């Protein structure tokens, strides 16, 4: 049976904000309903599929990404920037150089 919880209850259990819950619901990714008092409730089983529980360590999958939505992982762009920096170049190797007449 579905357990419907308010944003405050879910924020206490999961690493999620009220704004993110609402955004997922508005896109149709997260079932929600309105209570007579105007408060919105969300399906906890679906929230648990998207967000990590509070108090549980976040585990990444290396370069493939993260196990839960919202986890911080180093992006490919960041790693590329580090490689360029290591080579001592100011721009990526595949970036276009300015025409000779514009080069200083």
C-alpha atoms as a PDB file:
ATOM      1  CA  UNK A   1       0.000   0.000   0.000  1.00  0.00           C
ATOM      2  CA  UNK A   2       1.251   3.464  -0.871  1.00  0.00           C
ATOM      3  CA  UNK A   3       2.362   5.648   2.018  1.00  0.00           C
ATOM      4  CA  UNK A   4       1.690   9.323   1.273  1.00  0.00           C
ATOM      5  CA  UNK A   5       3.936  11.762   3.137  1.00  0.00           C
ATOM      6  CA  UNK A   6       4.291  15.542   3.203  1.00  0.00           C
ATOM      7  CA  UNK A   7       7.384  17.336   1.959  1.00  0.00           C
ATOM      8  CA  UNK A   8       8.470  18.029   5.553  1.00  0.00           C
ATOM      9  CA  UNK A   9       8.254  14.337   6.447  1.00  0.00           C
ATOM     10  CA  UNK A  10      10.170  13.334   3.317  1.00  0.00           C
ATOM     11  CA  UNK A  11      12.859  15.985   3.821  1.00  0.00           C
ATOM     12  CA  UNK A  12      13.462  14.543   7.302  1.00  0.00           C
ATOM     13  CA  UNK A  13      13.938  11.022   5.856  1.00  0.00           C
ATOM     14  CA  UNK A  14      15.591  11.691   2.473  1.00  0.00           C
ATOM     15  CA  UNK A  15      18.197  14.004   0.988  1.00  0.00           C
ATOM     16  CA  UNK A  16      15.714  16.105  -0.946  1.00  0.00           C
ATOM     17  CA  UNK A  17      14.275  19.605  -0.841  1.00  0.00           C
ATOM     18  CA  UNK A  18      10.651  20.647  -1.104  1.00  0.00           C
ATOM     19  CA  UNK A  19      11.405  22.434  -4.387  1.00  0.00           C
ATOM     20  CA  UNK A  20      12.874  19.278  -5.905  1.00  0.00           C
ATOM     21  CA  UNK A  21       9.895  17.174  -4.827  1.00  0.00           C
ATOM     22  CA  UNK A  22       7.538  19.675  -6.424  1.00  0.00           C
ATOM     23  CA  UNK A  23       9.626  19.829  -9.617  1.00  0.00           C
ATOM     24  CA  UNK A  24       9.573  16.020  -9.969  1.00  0.00           C
ATOM     25  CA  UNK A  25       5.805  16.000  -9.348  1.00  0.00           C
ATOM     26  CA  UNK A  26       5.138  18.777 -11.868  1.00  0.00           C
ATOM     27  CA  UNK A  27       7.097  16.871 -14.545  1.00  0.00           C
ATOM     28  CA  UNK A  28       5.042  13.747 -13.845  1.00  0.00           C
ATOM     29  CA  UNK A  29       7.961  11.755 -12.421  1.00  0.00           C
ATOM     30  CA  UNK A  30       6.619  11.606  -8.876  1.00  0.00           C
ATOM     31  CA  UNK A  31       2.990  10.901  -7.930  1.00  0.00           C
ATOM     32  CA  UNK A  32       1.530  13.545  -5.636  1.00  0.00           C
ATOM     33  CA  UNK A  33      -1.849  14.612  -4.342  1.00  0.00           C
ATOM     34  CA  UNK A  34      -3.351  17.618  -2.612  1.00  0.00           C
ATOM     35  CA  UNK A  35      -4.857  17.353   0.839  1.00  0.00           C
ATOM     36  CA  UNK A  36      -8.008  19.310   1.799  1.00  0.00           C
ATOM     37  CA  UNK A  37      -5.771  21.728   3.742  1.00  0.00           C
ATOM     38  CA  UNK A  38      -3.839  22.499   0.519  1.00  0.00           C
ATOM     39  CA  UNK A  39      -0.700  20.629   1.513  1.00  0.00           C
ATOM     40  CA  UNK A  40       0.850  18.323  -1.094  1.00  0.00           C
ATOM     41  CA  UNK A  41       1.699  14.685  -0.318  1.00  0.00           C
ATOM     42  CA  UNK A  42       4.061  12.417  -2.240  1.00  0.00           C
ATOM     43  CA  UNK A  43       4.324   8.651  -2.719  1.00  0.00           C
ATOM     44  CA  UNK A  44       7.199   7.585  -0.461  1.00  0.00           C
ATOM     45  CA  UNK A  45       7.994   4.427  -2.436  1.00  0.00           C
ATOM     46  CA  UNK A  46       8.721   6.560  -5.529  1.00  0.00           C
ATOM     47  CA  UNK A  47      10.710   9.123  -3.512  1.00  0.00           C
ATOM     48  CA  UNK A  48      12.887   6.298  -2.183  1.00  0.00           C
ATOM     49  CA  UNK A  49      13.628   5.253  -5.767  1.00  0.00           C
ATOM     50  CA  UNK A  50      14.998   8.705  -6.618  1.00  0.00           C
ATOM     51  CA  UNK A  51      16.648  10.007  -3.444  1.00  0.00           C
ATOM     52  CA  UNK A  52      19.058   8.662  -0.833  1.00  0.00           C
ATOM     53  CA  UNK A  53      17.996   8.277   2.779  1.00  0.00           C
ATOM     54  CA  UNK A  54      19.509  10.637   5.301  1.00  0.00           C
ATOM     55  CA  UNK A  55      22.267   9.025   7.362  1.00  0.00           C
ATOM     56  CA  UNK A  56      23.204   6.542   4.620  1.00  0.00           C
ATOM     57  CA  UNK A  57      26.582   7.208   2.964  1.00  0.00           C
ATOM     58  CA  UNK A  58      26.415   8.187  -0.707  1.00  0.00           C
ATOM     59  CA  UNK A  59      28.165   5.727  -3.010  1.00  0.00           C
ATOM     60  CA  UNK A  60      29.316   6.696  -6.508  1.00  0.00           C
ATOM     61  CA  UNK A  61      29.960   4.499  -9.509  1.00  0.00           C
ATOM     62  CA  UNK A  62      33.229   6.097 -10.599  1.00  0.00           C
ATOM     63  CA  UNK A  63      33.123   7.632 -14.042  1.00  0.00           C
ATOM     64  CA  UNK A  64      29.720   6.105 -14.802  1.00  0.00           C
ATOM     65  CA  UNK A  65      27.848   8.370 -12.406  1.00  0.00           C
ATOM     66  CA  UNK A  66      26.105   8.086  -9.092  1.00  0.00           C
ATOM     67  CA  UNK A  67      23.671   5.631  -7.573  1.00  0.00           C
ATOM     68  CA  UNK A  68      21.073   8.264  -6.705  1.00  0.00           C
ATOM     69  CA  UNK A  69      19.831  11.439  -8.324  1.00  0.00           C
ATOM     70  CA  UNK A  70      21.466  14.551  -6.935  1.00  0.00           C
ATOM     71  CA  UNK A  71      24.793  13.091  -5.906  1.00  0.00           C
ATOM     72  CA  UNK A  72      27.882  15.051  -6.759  1.00  0.00           C
ATOM     73  CA  UNK A  73      30.244  13.317  -9.146  1.00  0.00           C
ATOM     74  CA  UNK A  74      33.088  14.745 -11.139  1.00  0.00           C
ATOM     75  CA  UNK A  75      31.879  15.442 -14.651  1.00  0.00           C
ATOM     76  CA  UNK A  76      33.740  14.616 -17.841  1.00  0.00           C
ATOM     77  CA  UNK A  77      34.158  18.340 -18.480  1.00  0.00           C
ATOM     78  CA  UNK A  78      36.005  18.776 -15.166  1.00  0.00           C
ATOM     79  CA  UNK A  79      38.363  15.888 -15.881  1.00  0.00           C
ATOM     80  CA  UNK A  80      39.007  17.276 -19.360  1.00  0.00           C
ATOM     81  CA  UNK A  81      39.792  20.680 -17.884  1.00  0.00           C
ATOM     82  CA  UNK A  82      42.303  19.072 -15.518  1.00  0.00           C
ATOM     83  CA  UNK A  83      44.044  17.307 -18.435  1.00  0.00           C
ATOM     84  CA  UNK A  84      44.291  20.578 -20.336  1.00  0.00           C
ATOM     85  CA  UNK A  85      45.669  22.323 -17.255  1.00  0.00           C
ATOM     86  CA  UNK A  86      48.242  19.547 -16.800  1.00  0.00           C
ATOM     87  CA  UNK A  87      49.478  20.101 -20.360  1.00  0.00           C
ATOM     88  CA  UNK A  88      49.904  23.792 -19.601  1.00  0.00           C
ATOM     89  CA  UNK A  89      47.463  24.955 -22.266  1.00  0.00           C
ATOM     90  CA  UNK A  90      44.917  27.685 -21.783  1.00  0.00           C
ATOM     91  CA  UNK A  91      42.297  26.035 -24.009  1.00  0.00           C
ATOM     92  CA  UNK A  92      41.282  22.481 -24.919  1.00  0.00           C
ATOM     93  CA  UNK A  93      43.183  20.859 -27.777  1.00  0.00           C
ATOM     94  CA  UNK A  94      40.121  20.722 -30.030  1.00  0.00           C
ATOM     95  CA  UNK A  95      39.165  24.398 -29.523  1.00  0.00           C
ATOM     96  CA  UNK A  96      39.614  26.612 -32.528  1.00  0.00           C
ATOM     97  CA  UNK A  97      42.563  29.007 -32.511  1.00  0.00           C
ATOM     98  CA  UNK A  98      41.912  32.625 -33.501  1.00  0.00           C
ATOM     99  CA  UNK A  99      42.875  33.584 -37.061  1.00  0.00           C
ATOM    100  CA  UNK A 100      46.484  34.798 -37.472  1.00  0.00           C
ATOM    101  CA  UNK A 101      45.396  38.404 -37.986  1.00  0.00           C
ATOM    102  CA  UNK A 102      43.585  38.349 -34.611  1.00  0.00           C
ATOM    103  CA  UNK A 103      46.337  36.532 -32.729  1.00  0.00           C
ATOM    104  CA  UNK A 104      48.400  38.902 -30.640  1.00  0.00           C
END
